[in-house]
Amino acid sequence: MVSVASQEWRKDAEEAVRLFVRHLEKEFGDHILGYHVCGQSGGEWVYDQTWTPPLPNFETPFRDGFRTWLRTMYPRGRR
């Protein structure tokens, strides 16, 4: 299963959504009110079967992304 924290996945997903919206706007632009972008299990941005082991969000991309976020939010020397 893909990790939604993967930078490669995020880049690919962003490009796919961009191309899809561009196509929709070209074909049906006058009939579109807005977009509701969602994904994963039922559109909640959670993994399929999150209620079963192993728990999601412990894979390497999530760990690395969380570490990057921590360093940004709590740089050394800041109190």
PDB file of N, CA and C in Angstrom:
ATOM      1  N   MET A   1       0.847  -1.181   0.000  1.00  0.00           N
ATOM      2  CA  MET A   1       0.000   0.000   0.000  1.00  0.00           C
ATOM      3  C   MET A   1       0.888   1.238   0.000  1.00  0.00           C
ATOM      4  N   VAL A   2       0.459   2.228  -0.714  1.00  0.00           N
ATOM      5  CA  VAL A   2       1.215   3.467  -0.806  1.00  0.00           C
ATOM      6  C   VAL A   2       1.107   4.265   0.495  1.00  0.00           C
ATOM      7  N   SER A   3       2.148   5.002   0.804  1.00  0.00           N
ATOM      8  CA  SER A   3       2.121   5.887   1.961  1.00  0.00           C
ATOM      9  C   SER A   3       1.758   7.286   1.489  1.00  0.00           C
ATOM     10  N   VAL A   4       0.717   7.872   2.076  1.00  0.00           N
ATOM     11  CA  VAL A   4       0.327   9.224   1.694  1.00  0.00           C
ATOM     12  C   VAL A   4       1.343  10.265   2.143  1.00  0.00           C
ATOM     13  N   ALA A   5       2.299   9.863   2.957  1.00  0.00           N
ATOM     14  CA  ALA A   5       3.366  10.763   3.379  1.00  0.00           C
ATOM     15  C   ALA A   5       4.544  10.724   2.412  1.00  0.00           C
ATOM     16  N   SER A   6       4.533   9.800   1.476  1.00  0.00           N
ATOM     17  CA  SER A   6       5.616   9.669   0.511  1.00  0.00           C
ATOM     18  C   SER A   6       5.661  10.895  -0.389  1.00  0.00           C
ATOM     19  N   GLN A   7       6.811  11.527  -0.474  1.00  0.00           N
ATOM     20  CA  GLN A   7       6.959  12.694  -1.338  1.00  0.00           C
ATOM     21  C   GLN A   7       6.718  12.331  -2.801  1.00  0.00           C
ATOM     22  N   GLU A   8       7.138  11.141  -3.201  1.00  0.00           N
ATOM     23  CA  GLU A   8       6.903  10.693  -4.572  1.00  0.00           C
ATOM     24  C   GLU A   8       5.402  10.554  -4.837  1.00  0.00           C
ATOM     25  N   TRP A   9       4.669   9.935  -3.892  1.00  0.00           N
ATOM     26  CA  TRP A   9       3.223   9.784  -4.060  1.00  0.00           C
ATOM     27  C   TRP A   9       2.545  11.143  -4.107  1.00  0.00           C
ATOM     28  N   ARG A  10       2.951  12.051  -3.221  1.00  0.00           N
ATOM     29  CA  ARG A  10       2.323  13.371  -3.169  1.00  0.00           C
ATOM     30  C   ARG A  10       2.532  14.130  -4.474  1.00  0.00           C
ATOM     31  N   LYS A  11       3.731  14.016  -5.042  1.00  0.00           N
ATOM     32  CA  LYS A  11       4.016  14.663  -6.318  1.00  0.00           C
ATOM     33  C   LYS A  11       3.150  14.068  -7.427  1.00  0.00           C
ATOM     34  N   ASP A  12       3.083  12.741  -7.469  1.00  0.00           N
ATOM     35  CA  ASP A  12       2.266  12.066  -8.486  1.00  0.00           C
ATOM     36  C   ASP A  12       0.782  12.388  -8.316  1.00  0.00           C
ATOM     37  N   ALA A  13       0.302  12.394  -7.082  1.00  0.00           N
ATOM     38  CA  ALA A  13      -1.110  12.685  -6.815  1.00  0.00           C
ATOM     39  C   ALA A  13      -1.446  14.120  -7.208  1.00  0.00           C
ATOM     40  N   GLU A  14      -0.557  15.042  -6.879  1.00  0.00           N
ATOM     41  CA  GLU A  14      -0.786  16.442  -7.237  1.00  0.00           C
ATOM     42  C   GLU A  14      -0.897  16.597  -8.758  1.00  0.00           C
ATOM     43  N   GLU A  15       0.004  15.959  -9.487  1.00  0.00           N
ATOM     44  CA  GLU A  15      -0.031  16.041 -10.949  1.00  0.00           C
ATOM     45  C   GLU A  15      -1.297  15.403 -11.507  1.00  0.00           C
ATOM     46  N   ALA A  16      -1.705  14.258 -10.962  1.00  0.00           N
ATOM     47  CA  ALA A  16      -2.915  13.580 -11.442  1.00  0.00           C
ATOM     48  C   ALA A  16      -4.153  14.446 -11.210  1.00  0.00           C
ATOM     49  N   VAL A  17      -4.262  15.065 -10.049  1.00  0.00           N
ATOM     50  CA  VAL A  17      -5.412  15.926  -9.760  1.00  0.00           C
ATOM     51  C   VAL A  17      -5.386  17.140 -10.682  1.00  0.00           C
ATOM     52  N   ARG A  18      -4.219  17.721 -10.877  1.00  0.00           N
ATOM     53  CA  ARG A  18      -4.109  18.877 -11.755  1.00  0.00           C
ATOM     54  C   ARG A  18      -4.578  18.536 -13.174  1.00  0.00           C
ATOM     55  N   LEU A  19      -4.114  17.415 -13.713  1.00  0.00           N
ATOM     56  CA  LEU A  19      -4.502  17.011 -15.063  1.00  0.00           C
ATOM     57  C   LEU A  19      -5.992  16.679 -15.149  1.00  0.00           C
ATOM     58  N   PHE A  20      -6.518  16.042 -14.115  1.00  0.00           N
ATOM     59  CA  PHE A  20      -7.936  15.685 -14.096  1.00  0.00           C
ATOM     60  C   PHE A  20      -8.815  16.932 -14.089  1.00  0.00           C
ATOM     61  N   VAL A  21      -8.468  17.903 -13.239  1.00  0.00           N
ATOM     62  CA  VAL A  21      -9.246  19.144 -13.170  1.00  0.00           C
ATOM     63  C   VAL A  21      -9.136  19.901 -14.486  1.00  0.00           C
ATOM     64  N   ARG A  22      -7.959  19.933 -15.057  1.00  0.00           N
ATOM     65  CA  ARG A  22      -7.787  20.605 -16.346  1.00  0.00           C
ATOM     66  C   ARG A  22      -8.699  19.984 -17.404  1.00  0.00           C
ATOM     67  N   HIS A  23      -8.755  18.659 -17.431  1.00  0.00           N
ATOM     68  CA  HIS A  23      -9.631  17.967 -18.375  1.00  0.00           C
ATOM     69  C   HIS A  23     -11.102  18.301 -18.115  1.00  0.00           C
ATOM     70  N   LEU A  24     -11.515  18.242 -16.858  1.00  0.00           N
ATOM     71  CA  LEU A  24     -12.906  18.540 -16.525  1.00  0.00           C
ATOM     72  C   LEU A  24     -13.278  19.972 -16.897  1.00  0.00           C
ATOM     73  N   GLU A  25     -12.386  20.899 -16.612  1.00  0.00           N
ATOM     74  CA  GLU A  25     -12.659  22.298 -16.942  1.00  0.00           C
ATOM     75  C   GLU A  25     -12.794  22.486 -18.445  1.00  0.00           C
ATOM     76  N   LYS A  26     -11.961  21.812 -19.200  1.00  0.00           N
ATOM     77  CA  LYS A  26     -12.018  21.927 -20.658  1.00  0.00           C
ATOM     78  C   LYS A  26     -13.319  21.355 -21.213  1.00  0.00           C
ATOM     79  N   GLU A  27     -13.724  20.195 -20.687  1.00  0.00           N
ATOM     80  CA  GLU A  27     -14.901  19.508 -21.218  1.00  0.00           C
ATOM     81  C   GLU A  27     -16.228  20.003 -20.636  1.00  0.00           C
ATOM     82  N   PHE A  28     -16.227  20.338 -19.353  1.00  0.00           N
ATOM     83  CA  PHE A  28     -17.487  20.618 -18.658  1.00  0.00           C
ATOM     84  C   PHE A  28     -17.444  21.878 -17.801  1.00  0.00           C
ATOM     85  N   GLY A  29     -16.493  22.753 -18.061  1.00  0.00           N
ATOM     86  CA  GLY A  29     -16.249  23.913 -17.198  1.00  0.00           C
ATOM     87  C   GLY A  29     -17.463  24.746 -16.857  1.00  0.00           C
ATOM     88  N   ASP A  30     -18.359  24.927 -17.820  1.00  0.00           N
ATOM     89  CA  ASP A  30     -19.551  25.755 -17.567  1.00  0.00           C
ATOM     90  C   ASP A  30     -20.560  25.072 -16.660  1.00  0.00           C
ATOM     91  N   HIS A  31     -20.368  23.798 -16.391  1.00  0.00           N
ATOM     92  CA  HIS A  31     -21.323  23.029 -15.597  1.00  0.00           C
ATOM     93  C   HIS A  31     -20.758  22.591 -14.244  1.00  0.00           C
ATOM     94  N   ILE A  32     -19.586  23.063 -13.896  1.00  0.00           N
ATOM     95  CA  ILE A  32     -18.938  22.649 -12.635  1.00  0.00           C
ATOM     96  C   ILE A  32     -19.066  23.758 -11.616  1.00  0.00           C
ATOM     97  N   LEU A  33     -19.586  23.391 -10.452  1.00  0.00           N
ATOM     98  CA  LEU A  33     -19.740  24.345  -9.360  1.00  0.00           C
ATOM     99  C   LEU A  33     -18.484  24.380  -8.491  1.00  0.00           C
ATOM    100  N   GLY A  34     -17.876  23.223  -8.283  1.00  0.00           N
ATOM    101  CA  GLY A  34     -16.689  23.148  -7.440  1.00  0.00           C
ATOM    102  C   GLY A  34     -16.144  21.739  -7.416  1.00  0.00           C
ATOM    103  N   TYR A  35     -15.128  21.528  -6.617  1.00  0.00           N
ATOM    104  CA  TYR A  35     -14.480  20.226  -6.509  1.00  0.00           C
ATOM    105  C   TYR A  35     -14.374  19.818  -5.044  1.00  0.00           C
ATOM    106  N   HIS A  36     -14.566  18.564  -4.811  1.00  0.00           N
ATOM    107  CA  HIS A  36     -14.373  17.985  -3.480  1.00  0.00           C
ATOM    108  C   HIS A  36     -13.309  16.904  -3.643  1.00  0.00           C
ATOM    109  N   VAL A  37     -12.084  17.253  -3.340  1.00  0.00           N
ATOM    110  CA  VAL A  37     -10.971  16.319  -3.510  1.00  0.00           C
ATOM    111  C   VAL A  37     -10.868  15.455  -2.259  1.00  0.00           C
ATOM    112  N   CYS A  38     -10.875  14.159  -2.464  1.00  0.00           N
ATOM    113  CA  CYS A  38     -10.763  13.239  -1.336  1.00  0.00           C
ATOM    114  C   CYS A  38     -10.030  11.987  -1.802  1.00  0.00           C
ATOM    115  N   GLY A  39      -9.690  11.126  -0.870  1.00  0.00           N
ATOM    116  CA  GLY A  39      -8.959   9.929  -1.257  1.00  0.00           C
ATOM    117  C   GLY A  39      -8.911   8.904  -0.151  1.00  0.00           C
ATOM    118  N   GLN A  40      -8.145   7.873  -0.409  1.00  0.00           N
ATOM    119  CA  GLN A  40      -7.949   6.751   0.496  1.00  0.00           C
ATOM    120  C   GLN A  40      -9.260   6.008   0.728  1.00  0.00           C
ATOM    121  N   SER A  41      -9.532   5.587   1.940  1.00  0.00           N
ATOM    122  CA  SER A  41     -10.681   4.733   2.246  1.00  0.00           C
ATOM    123  C   SER A  41     -11.959   5.555   2.383  1.00  0.00           C
ATOM    124  N   GLY A  42     -12.758   5.620   1.357  1.00  0.00           N
ATOM    125  CA  GLY A  42     -14.026   6.324   1.442  1.00  0.00           C
ATOM    126  C   GLY A  42     -13.907   7.829   1.424  1.00  0.00           C
ATOM    127  N   GLY A  43     -12.740   8.362   1.123  1.00  0.00           N
ATOM    128  CA  GLY A  43     -12.566   9.801   1.004  1.00  0.00           C
ATOM    129  C   GLY A  43     -12.122  10.509   2.260  1.00  0.00           C
ATOM    130  N   GLU A  44     -11.835   9.767   3.317  1.00  0.00           N
ATOM    131  CA  GLU A  44     -11.445  10.415   4.569  1.00  0.00           C
ATOM    132  C   GLU A  44      -9.947  10.630   4.692  1.00  0.00           C
ATOM    133  N   TRP A  45      -9.160  10.285   3.684  1.00  0.00           N
ATOM    134  CA  TRP A  45      -7.706  10.369   3.716  1.00  0.00           C
ATOM    135  C   TRP A  45      -7.125   9.482   4.807  1.00  0.00           C
ATOM    136  N   VAL A  46      -7.725   8.332   5.018  1.00  0.00           N
ATOM    137  CA  VAL A  46      -7.172   7.318   5.915  1.00  0.00           C
ATOM    138  C   VAL A  46      -6.958   6.044   5.111  1.00  0.00           C
ATOM    139  N   TYR A  47      -6.115   5.195   5.616  1.00  0.00           N
ATOM    140  CA  TYR A  47      -5.811   3.950   4.929  1.00  0.00           C
ATOM    141  C   TYR A  47      -6.972   2.969   4.991  1.00  0.00           C
ATOM    142  N   ASP A  48      -7.038   2.098   3.994  1.00  0.00           N
ATOM    143  CA  ASP A  48      -7.990   0.995   4.047  1.00  0.00           C
ATOM    144  C   ASP A  48      -7.709   0.149   5.287  1.00  0.00           C
ATOM    145  N   GLN A  49      -8.734  -0.292   5.936  1.00  0.00           N
ATOM    146  CA  GLN A  49      -8.651  -1.188   7.092  1.00  0.00           C
ATOM    147  C   GLN A  49      -7.741  -0.644   8.200  1.00  0.00           C
ATOM    148  N   THR A  50      -7.905   0.630   8.519  1.00  0.00           N
ATOM    149  CA  THR A  50      -7.071   1.224   9.567  1.00  0.00           C
ATOM    150  C   THR A  50      -7.344   0.627  10.937  1.00  0.00           C
ATOM    151  N   TRP A  51      -8.412  -0.093  11.051  1.00  0.00           N
ATOM    152  CA  TRP A  51      -8.783  -0.694  12.330  1.00  0.00           C
ATOM    153  C   TRP A  51      -8.072  -2.024  12.571  1.00  0.00           C
ATOM    154  N   THR A  52      -7.279  -2.482  11.622  1.00  0.00           N
ATOM    155  CA  THR A  52      -6.583  -3.762  11.781  1.00  0.00           C
ATOM    156  C   THR A  52      -5.083  -3.533  11.899  1.00  0.00           C
ATOM    157  N   PRO A  53      -4.373  -4.445  12.569  1.00  0.00           N
ATOM    158  CA  PRO A  53      -2.915  -4.322  12.649  1.00  0.00           C
ATOM    159  C   PRO A  53      -2.278  -4.592  11.293  1.00  0.00           C
ATOM    160  N   PRO A  54      -1.122  -4.129  10.972  1.00  0.00           N
ATOM    161  CA  PRO A  54      -0.388  -3.151  11.795  1.00  0.00           C
ATOM    162  C   PRO A  54      -0.981  -1.764  11.622  1.00  0.00           C
ATOM    163  N   LEU A  55      -0.817  -0.941  12.626  1.00  0.00           N
ATOM    164  CA  LEU A  55      -1.358   0.411  12.561  1.00  0.00           C
ATOM    165  C   LEU A  55      -0.671   1.196  11.457  1.00  0.00           C
ATOM    166  N   PRO A  56      -1.411   2.004  10.709  1.00  0.00           N
ATOM    167  CA  PRO A  56      -0.787   2.826   9.675  1.00  0.00           C
ATOM    168  C   PRO A  56      -0.043   4.004  10.286  1.00  0.00           C
ATOM    169  N   ASN A  57       0.637   4.716   9.456  1.00  0.00           N
ATOM    170  CA  ASN A  57       1.357   5.934   9.832  1.00  0.00           C
ATOM    171  C   ASN A  57       2.617   5.670  10.641  1.00  0.00           C
ATOM    172  N   PHE A  58       3.125   4.462  10.569  1.00  0.00           N
ATOM    173  CA  PHE A  58       4.388   4.162  11.206  1.00  0.00           C
ATOM    174  C   PHE A  58       5.446   3.799  10.173  1.00  0.00           C
ATOM    175  N   GLU A  59       5.114   3.977   8.886  1.00  0.00           N
ATOM    176  CA  GLU A  59       6.067   3.641   7.848  1.00  0.00           C
ATOM    177  C   GLU A  59       7.122   4.748   7.722  1.00  0.00           C
ATOM    178  N   THR A  60       8.192   4.438   7.042  1.00  0.00           N
ATOM    179  CA  THR A  60       9.332   5.353   6.931  1.00  0.00           C
ATOM    180  C   THR A  60       8.945   6.744   6.437  1.00  0.00           C
ATOM    181  N   PRO A  61       8.141   6.901   5.365  1.00  0.00           N
ATOM    182  CA  PRO A  61       7.801   8.271   4.934  1.00  0.00           C
ATOM    183  C   PRO A  61       7.075   9.086   6.008  1.00  0.00           C
ATOM    184  N   PHE A  62       6.187   8.451   6.761  1.00  0.00           N
ATOM    185  CA  PHE A  62       5.511   9.185   7.833  1.00  0.00           C
ATOM    186  C   PHE A  62       6.492   9.572   8.932  1.00  0.00           C
ATOM    187  N   ARG A  63       7.351   8.645   9.304  1.00  0.00           N
ATOM    188  CA  ARG A  63       8.333   8.936  10.350  1.00  0.00           C
ATOM    189  C   ARG A  63       9.231  10.096   9.918  1.00  0.00           C
ATOM    190  N   ASP A  64       9.734  10.030   8.684  1.00  0.00           N
ATOM    191  CA  ASP A  64      10.616  11.084   8.194  1.00  0.00           C
ATOM    192  C   ASP A  64       9.885  12.424   8.080  1.00  0.00           C
ATOM    193  N   GLY A  65       8.654  12.389   7.604  1.00  0.00           N
ATOM    194  CA  GLY A  65       7.874  13.614   7.505  1.00  0.00           C
ATOM    195  C   GLY A  65       7.587  14.229   8.864  1.00  0.00           C
ATOM    196  N   PHE A  66       7.301  13.384   9.854  1.00  0.00           N
ATOM    197  CA  PHE A  66       7.040  13.881  11.200  1.00  0.00           C
ATOM    198  C   PHE A  66       8.300  14.499  11.801  1.00  0.00           C
ATOM    199  N   ARG A  67       9.435  13.880  11.566  1.00  0.00           N
ATOM    200  CA  ARG A  67      10.701  14.439  12.061  1.00  0.00           C
ATOM    201  C   ARG A  67      10.980  15.800  11.428  1.00  0.00           C
ATOM    202  N   THR A  68      10.710  15.918  10.138  1.00  0.00           N
ATOM    203  CA  THR A  68      10.899  17.199   9.459  1.00  0.00           C
ATOM    204  C   THR A  68       9.969  18.252  10.046  1.00  0.00           C
ATOM    205  N   TRP A  69       8.712  17.874  10.280  1.00  0.00           N
ATOM    206  CA  TRP A  69       7.755  18.790  10.880  1.00  0.00           C
ATOM    207  C   TRP A  69       8.209  19.231  12.278  1.00  0.00           C
ATOM    208  N   LEU A  70       8.695  18.277  13.071  1.00  0.00           N
ATOM    209  CA  LEU A  70       9.171  18.615  14.416  1.00  0.00           C
ATOM    210  C   LEU A  70      10.319  19.615  14.368  1.00  0.00           C
ATOM    211  N   ARG A  71      11.267  19.382  13.459  1.00  0.00           N
ATOM    212  CA  ARG A  71      12.411  20.296  13.347  1.00  0.00           C
ATOM    213  C   ARG A  71      11.963  21.696  12.932  1.00  0.00           C
ATOM    214  N   THR A  72      10.931  21.765  12.092  1.00  0.00           N
ATOM    215  CA  THR A  72      10.412  23.057  11.650  1.00  0.00           C
ATOM    216  C   THR A  72       9.677  23.758  12.789  1.00  0.00           C
ATOM    217  N   MET A  73       8.861  23.009  13.491  1.00  0.00           N
ATOM    218  CA  MET A  73       8.062  23.594  14.569  1.00  0.00           C
ATOM    219  C   MET A  73       8.873  23.897  15.821  1.00  0.00           C
ATOM    220  N   TYR A  74       9.866  23.086  16.081  1.00  0.00           N
ATOM    221  CA  TYR A  74      10.640  23.207  17.314  1.00  0.00           C
ATOM    222  C   TYR A  74      12.135  23.202  17.026  1.00  0.00           C
ATOM    223  N   PRO A  75      12.628  24.270  16.375  1.00  0.00           N
ATOM    224  CA  PRO A  75      14.059  24.308  16.093  1.00  0.00           C
ATOM    225  C   PRO A  75      14.858  24.382  17.380  1.00  0.00           C
ATOM    226  N   ARG A  76      16.048  23.844  17.322  1.00  0.00           N
ATOM    227  CA  ARG A  76      16.924  23.864  18.511  1.00  0.00           C
ATOM    228  C   ARG A  76      17.173  25.291  18.953  1.00  0.00           C
ATOM    229  N   GLY A  77      17.191  25.495  20.248  1.00  0.00           N
ATOM    230  CA  GLY A  77      17.443  26.802  20.798  1.00  0.00           C
ATOM    231  C   GLY A  77      16.193  27.633  21.007  1.00  0.00           C
ATOM    232  N   ARG A  78      15.090  27.232  20.400  1.00  0.00           N
ATOM    233  CA  ARG A  78      13.825  27.961  20.574  1.00  0.00           C
ATOM    234  C   ARG A  78      13.089  27.394  21.777  1.00  0.00           C
ATOM    235  N   ARG A  79      12.628  28.266  22.630  1.00  0.00           N
ATOM    236  CA  ARG A  79      11.886  27.819  23.820  1.00  0.00           C
ATOM    237  C   ARG A  79      10.634  28.614  23.973  1.00  0.00           C
TER     238      ARG A  79
END
